[in-house]
Amino acid sequence: MKYRRILLKLSGEAIGGPDGVGLNEHVMAAYARQIAEVVKQGAQVAIVIGGGNIFRGLSGTERGFDRVRGDQMGMLATVINSIGLSLSLRNAGLKAEVFTSTPMRPMAKYYMRDEVNEYLENGGVALIAGGTGNPFFTTDSAAALRACELRCDALLKGTKVDGVYTADPVKHPEATRYDKLTFDKAIADNLRVMDQTAFTLCKENNMPIIVFNMNDEGMLGKVVEGNGTCTVLSNE
């Protein structure tokens, strides 16, 4: 196994299913099966989920929301998604616990790095919700931060496409996929895989980002083993 401890970043829209809205129990069950497979193989998995299927703070400002309050609503949306996926993970036979960046008992435990570290080492899946706990930071940045804090081997971004392309493959069929990509090139070319803050955190802490298609059944397991169709972003 190439990546024993991973931080899996999922978008809220992904667990919303085809419409990208609400929580789709079939999608969550499918994701839980893939996660269960790698945990049973010995991988340690922490998860950060976005909240765009319920509410996106930045878009709320366009409708008159205060940015800070809007971002707080988005943080709460990530908690709802994390609780939902934790139930699917438990149904798949795993131990799963939600940890939040701000105190939220009894719905979730407060995130403390050492406690989450111990939970992962004991075979539990840690869903880390609430972003960084601060406005103006995305869940991409939160994922990068937690991956570095927990000393993960890689940050895996599960998307609807099988990697990073030279252009949008839907709009540009001639676009080609990168097998490998440096952070410097991704930043210079303004490739919107993750936001700039997340890129910088991963670059400075030598944390590789692996982009793959989470909807391709079994691909998570292949990526963890160092195989599979994906794009690896790193300093080299």
Protein backbone atom coordinates (compact mmCIF):
# COMPACT_ATOMS: atom_id res chain seq x y z
CA MET A 1 0.00 0.00 0.00
CA LYS A 2 1.56 3.27 -1.15
CA TYR A 3 -0.61 5.67 0.84
CA ARG A 4 -1.39 4.24 4.27
CA ARG A 5 -2.93 7.36 5.81
CA ILE A 6 -5.04 9.56 3.56
CA LEU A 7 -7.21 12.64 3.77
CA LEU A 8 -10.11 12.14 1.37
CA LYS A 9 -11.71 15.37 0.16
CA LEU A 10 -15.22 15.07 -1.26
CA SER A 11 -17.46 17.82 -2.59
CA GLY A 12 -20.93 18.35 -1.22
CA GLU A 13 -22.29 18.24 -4.75
CA ALA A 14 -20.81 14.75 -5.19
CA ILE A 15 -22.83 13.23 -2.36
CA GLY A 16 -25.85 15.11 -3.65
CA GLY A 17 -26.01 12.68 -6.57
CA PRO A 18 -26.81 13.59 -10.19
CA ASP A 19 -28.55 16.82 -9.19
CA GLY A 20 -25.86 17.83 -6.71
CA VAL A 21 -28.50 18.81 -4.16
CA GLY A 22 -29.31 17.27 -0.79
CA LEU A 23 -27.96 13.90 0.34
CA ASN A 24 -28.20 10.93 -2.00
CA GLU A 25 -28.20 7.73 0.06
CA HIS A 26 -27.20 5.58 -2.93
CA VAL A 27 -24.11 7.67 -3.64
CA MET A 28 -23.14 7.73 0.04
CA ALA A 29 -23.55 3.96 0.27
CA ALA A 30 -21.34 3.49 -2.81
CA TYR A 31 -18.67 5.77 -1.36
CA ALA A 32 -18.89 3.95 1.98
CA ARG A 33 -18.24 0.62 0.24
CA GLN A 34 -15.08 1.97 -1.37
CA ILE A 35 -13.87 3.49 1.88
CA ALA A 36 -14.61 0.26 3.77
CA GLU A 37 -12.56 -1.68 1.24
CA VAL A 38 -9.40 0.41 1.79
CA VAL A 39 -9.83 0.52 5.58
CA LYS A 40 -10.06 -3.27 5.68
CA GLN A 41 -6.84 -3.38 3.67
CA GLY A 42 -5.12 -1.35 6.38
CA ALA A 43 -5.53 2.26 5.24
CA GLN A 44 -6.28 5.03 7.73
CA VAL A 45 -8.89 7.46 6.39
CA ALA A 46 -9.88 10.97 7.41
CA ILE A 47 -12.55 12.75 5.36
CA VAL A 48 -13.43 16.38 4.68
CA ILE A 49 -16.66 17.09 2.79
CA GLY A 50 -17.82 20.37 1.28
CA GLY A 51 -21.29 21.78 1.81
CA GLY A 52 -22.27 23.06 -1.62
CA ASN A 53 -25.16 20.63 -1.94
CA ILE A 54 -26.88 22.47 0.92
CA PHE A 55 -25.45 25.99 1.05
CA ARG A 56 -22.41 27.75 -0.35
CA GLY A 57 -21.38 30.77 1.71
CA LEU A 58 -19.71 32.74 -1.07
CA SER A 59 -22.70 32.50 -3.40
CA GLY A 60 -24.90 33.62 -0.52
CA THR A 61 -23.21 37.02 -0.51
CA GLU A 62 -24.62 37.57 -4.01
CA ARG A 63 -28.08 37.30 -2.47
CA GLY A 64 -27.36 39.76 0.28
CA PHE A 65 -25.97 37.50 3.00
CA ASP A 66 -23.23 38.78 5.24
CA ARG A 67 -20.07 36.89 4.21
CA VAL A 68 -19.15 35.78 7.72
CA ARG A 69 -22.65 34.50 8.48
CA GLY A 70 -22.88 32.92 5.05
CA ASP A 71 -19.64 31.02 5.61
CA GLN A 72 -20.90 29.87 8.99
CA MET A 73 -24.01 28.48 7.30
CA GLY A 74 -21.73 26.65 4.88
CA MET A 75 -19.77 25.19 7.81
CA LEU A 76 -23.00 23.84 9.28
CA ALA A 77 -23.83 22.28 5.92
CA THR A 78 -20.56 20.31 6.05
CA VAL A 79 -21.57 18.96 9.47
CA ILE A 80 -24.88 17.68 8.07
CA ASN A 81 -23.04 15.98 5.19
CA SER A 82 -20.47 14.44 7.53
CA ILE A 83 -23.14 13.03 9.85
CA GLY A 84 -24.93 11.56 6.83
CA LEU A 85 -21.83 9.88 5.44
CA SER A 86 -20.84 8.63 8.91
CA LEU A 87 -24.12 6.72 9.05
CA SER A 88 -23.42 5.13 5.67
CA LEU A 89 -19.93 4.17 6.85
CA ARG A 90 -21.34 2.55 9.97
CA ASN A 91 -23.82 0.65 7.84
CA ALA A 92 -20.81 -0.62 5.88
CA GLY A 93 -19.33 -2.04 9.10
CA LEU A 94 -16.87 0.71 9.97
CA LYS A 95 -16.29 2.81 13.04
CA ALA A 96 -16.97 6.42 12.06
CA GLU A 97 -17.01 9.60 14.11
CA VAL A 98 -17.65 13.24 13.22
CA PHE A 99 -15.23 15.84 14.57
CA THR A 100 -15.97 19.56 14.23
CA SER A 101 -13.73 22.61 14.23
CA THR A 102 -16.02 24.37 16.72
CA PRO A 103 -17.68 22.71 19.75
CA MET A 104 -20.91 21.03 18.68
CA ARG A 105 -21.73 18.36 21.25
CA PRO A 106 -23.74 16.16 21.36
CA MET A 107 -23.92 16.07 17.55
CA ALA A 108 -20.16 15.68 17.09
CA LYS A 109 -16.87 15.68 18.93
CA TYR A 110 -14.60 18.70 19.03
CA TYR A 111 -11.61 18.31 16.71
CA MET A 112 -8.36 17.74 18.56
CA ARG A 113 -5.50 16.50 16.45
CA ASP A 114 -4.11 13.99 18.93
CA GLU A 115 -7.55 12.48 19.58
CA VAL A 116 -8.23 12.13 15.85
CA ASN A 117 -4.76 10.67 15.35
CA GLU A 118 -5.47 7.98 17.94
CA TYR A 119 -8.91 7.30 16.44
CA LEU A 120 -7.36 6.72 13.01
CA GLU A 121 -4.69 4.42 14.42
CA ASN A 122 -7.44 2.33 16.02
CA GLY A 123 -9.18 1.78 12.70
CA GLY A 124 -11.86 4.46 12.86
CA VAL A 125 -12.80 6.79 10.01
CA ALA A 126 -12.69 10.43 11.10
CA LEU A 127 -15.02 12.86 9.34
CA ILE A 128 -13.67 16.35 10.02
CA ALA A 129 -16.40 18.94 9.54
CA GLY A 130 -16.92 22.66 9.96
CA GLY A 131 -14.09 23.78 7.69
CA THR A 132 -11.29 25.51 9.58
CA GLY A 133 -13.84 27.12 11.88
CA ASN A 134 -13.13 30.49 10.28
CA PRO A 135 -14.84 32.44 7.50
CA PHE A 136 -13.06 33.17 4.22
CA PHE A 137 -11.50 29.68 4.12
CA THR A 138 -12.84 26.95 1.85
CA THR A 139 -13.16 23.26 2.65
CA ASP A 140 -10.28 22.72 0.20
CA SER A 141 -8.11 24.76 2.56
CA ALA A 142 -9.51 22.84 5.53
CA ALA A 143 -8.65 19.54 3.83
CA ALA A 144 -5.10 20.68 3.15
CA LEU A 145 -4.71 21.91 6.73
CA ARG A 146 -5.99 18.67 8.29
CA ALA A 147 -3.91 16.52 5.92
CA CYS A 148 -0.77 18.36 7.04
CA GLU A 149 -1.74 18.33 10.73
CA LEU A 150 -2.42 14.60 10.70
CA ARG A 151 0.72 13.87 8.68
CA CYS A 152 -1.18 12.05 5.98
CA ASP A 153 0.71 10.41 3.14
CA ALA A 154 -1.47 12.18 0.58
CA LEU A 155 -4.56 14.32 0.11
CA LEU A 156 -6.95 12.51 -2.25
CA LYS A 157 -9.52 14.65 -4.00
CA GLY A 158 -12.42 12.53 -5.22
CA THR A 159 -14.18 14.22 -8.12
CA LYS A 160 -16.39 13.38 -11.10
CA VAL A 161 -13.43 13.32 -13.50
CA ASP A 162 -10.37 11.07 -13.58
CA GLY A 163 -7.74 13.75 -13.04
CA VAL A 164 -6.58 17.20 -14.08
CA TYR A 165 -6.83 18.11 -17.75
CA THR A 166 -5.26 20.78 -19.94
CA ALA A 167 -8.80 22.17 -20.34
CA ASP A 168 -12.33 21.26 -19.34
CA PRO A 169 -12.74 17.80 -20.95
CA VAL A 170 -16.51 18.27 -21.21
CA LYS A 171 -16.19 21.48 -23.22
CA HIS A 172 -12.94 20.50 -24.95
CA PRO A 173 -12.88 16.82 -26.00
CA GLU A 174 -9.32 17.25 -27.29
CA ALA A 175 -8.07 18.05 -23.77
CA THR A 176 -5.49 15.65 -22.35
CA ARG A 177 -5.04 14.43 -18.79
CA TYR A 178 -1.90 15.05 -16.78
CA ASP A 179 -0.41 12.00 -15.09
CA LYS A 180 1.80 14.22 -12.97
CA LEU A 181 1.80 17.94 -12.33
CA THR A 182 3.88 20.25 -10.17
CA PHE A 183 2.26 22.70 -7.78
CA ASP A 184 4.14 25.54 -9.46
CA LYS A 185 2.64 24.71 -12.85
CA ALA A 186 -0.85 24.24 -11.43
CA ILE A 187 -0.62 27.64 -9.74
CA ALA A 188 0.96 29.37 -12.76
CA ASP A 189 -1.65 27.94 -15.15
CA ASN A 190 -4.46 28.79 -12.71
CA LEU A 191 -5.75 25.21 -12.79
CA ARG A 192 -8.74 25.24 -10.47
CA VAL A 193 -8.26 21.86 -8.86
CA MET A 194 -8.19 23.41 -5.40
CA ASP A 195 -7.90 27.00 -4.24
CA GLN A 196 -4.58 28.79 -3.97
CA THR A 197 -4.46 28.59 -0.16
CA ALA A 198 -4.79 24.79 -0.30
CA PHE A 199 -2.11 24.58 -3.01
CA THR A 200 0.27 26.70 -0.94
CA LEU A 201 -0.26 24.66 2.22
CA CYS A 202 0.38 21.41 0.38
CA LYS A 203 3.37 22.80 -1.50
CA GLU A 204 5.06 24.14 1.64
CA ASN A 205 4.45 20.90 3.55
CA ASN A 206 5.29 18.56 0.67
CA MET A 207 1.80 17.05 0.74
CA PRO A 208 0.89 15.42 -2.61
CA ILE A 209 -2.62 15.93 -3.98
CA ILE A 210 -4.13 13.11 -6.01
CA VAL A 211 -7.16 13.86 -8.17
CA PHE A 212 -9.30 10.90 -9.27
CA ASN A 213 -12.85 9.89 -10.13
CA MET A 214 -14.58 8.78 -6.91
CA ASN A 215 -17.61 7.67 -8.92
CA ASP A 216 -15.53 4.99 -10.64
CA GLU A 217 -16.24 1.98 -8.41
CA GLY A 218 -13.05 0.61 -6.89
CA MET A 219 -10.83 3.48 -8.03
CA LEU A 220 -10.16 4.66 -4.47
CA GLY A 221 -8.58 1.29 -3.68
CA LYS A 222 -6.41 1.41 -6.80
CA VAL A 223 -5.22 4.94 -6.04
CA VAL A 224 -4.31 4.04 -2.45
CA GLU A 225 -2.21 1.17 -3.83
CA GLY A 226 -0.40 3.63 -6.12
CA ASN A 227 -2.23 2.54 -9.27
CA GLY A 228 -5.41 3.71 -10.93
CA THR A 229 -6.23 6.57 -13.27
CA CYS A 230 -5.44 9.89 -11.62
CA THR A 231 -3.30 13.02 -11.60
CA VAL A 232 -0.61 13.40 -8.93
CA LEU A 233 0.32 16.95 -7.96
CA SER A 234 3.56 17.39 -6.03
CA ASN A 235 6.69 19.51 -5.77
CA GLU A 236 8.55 17.28 -8.23
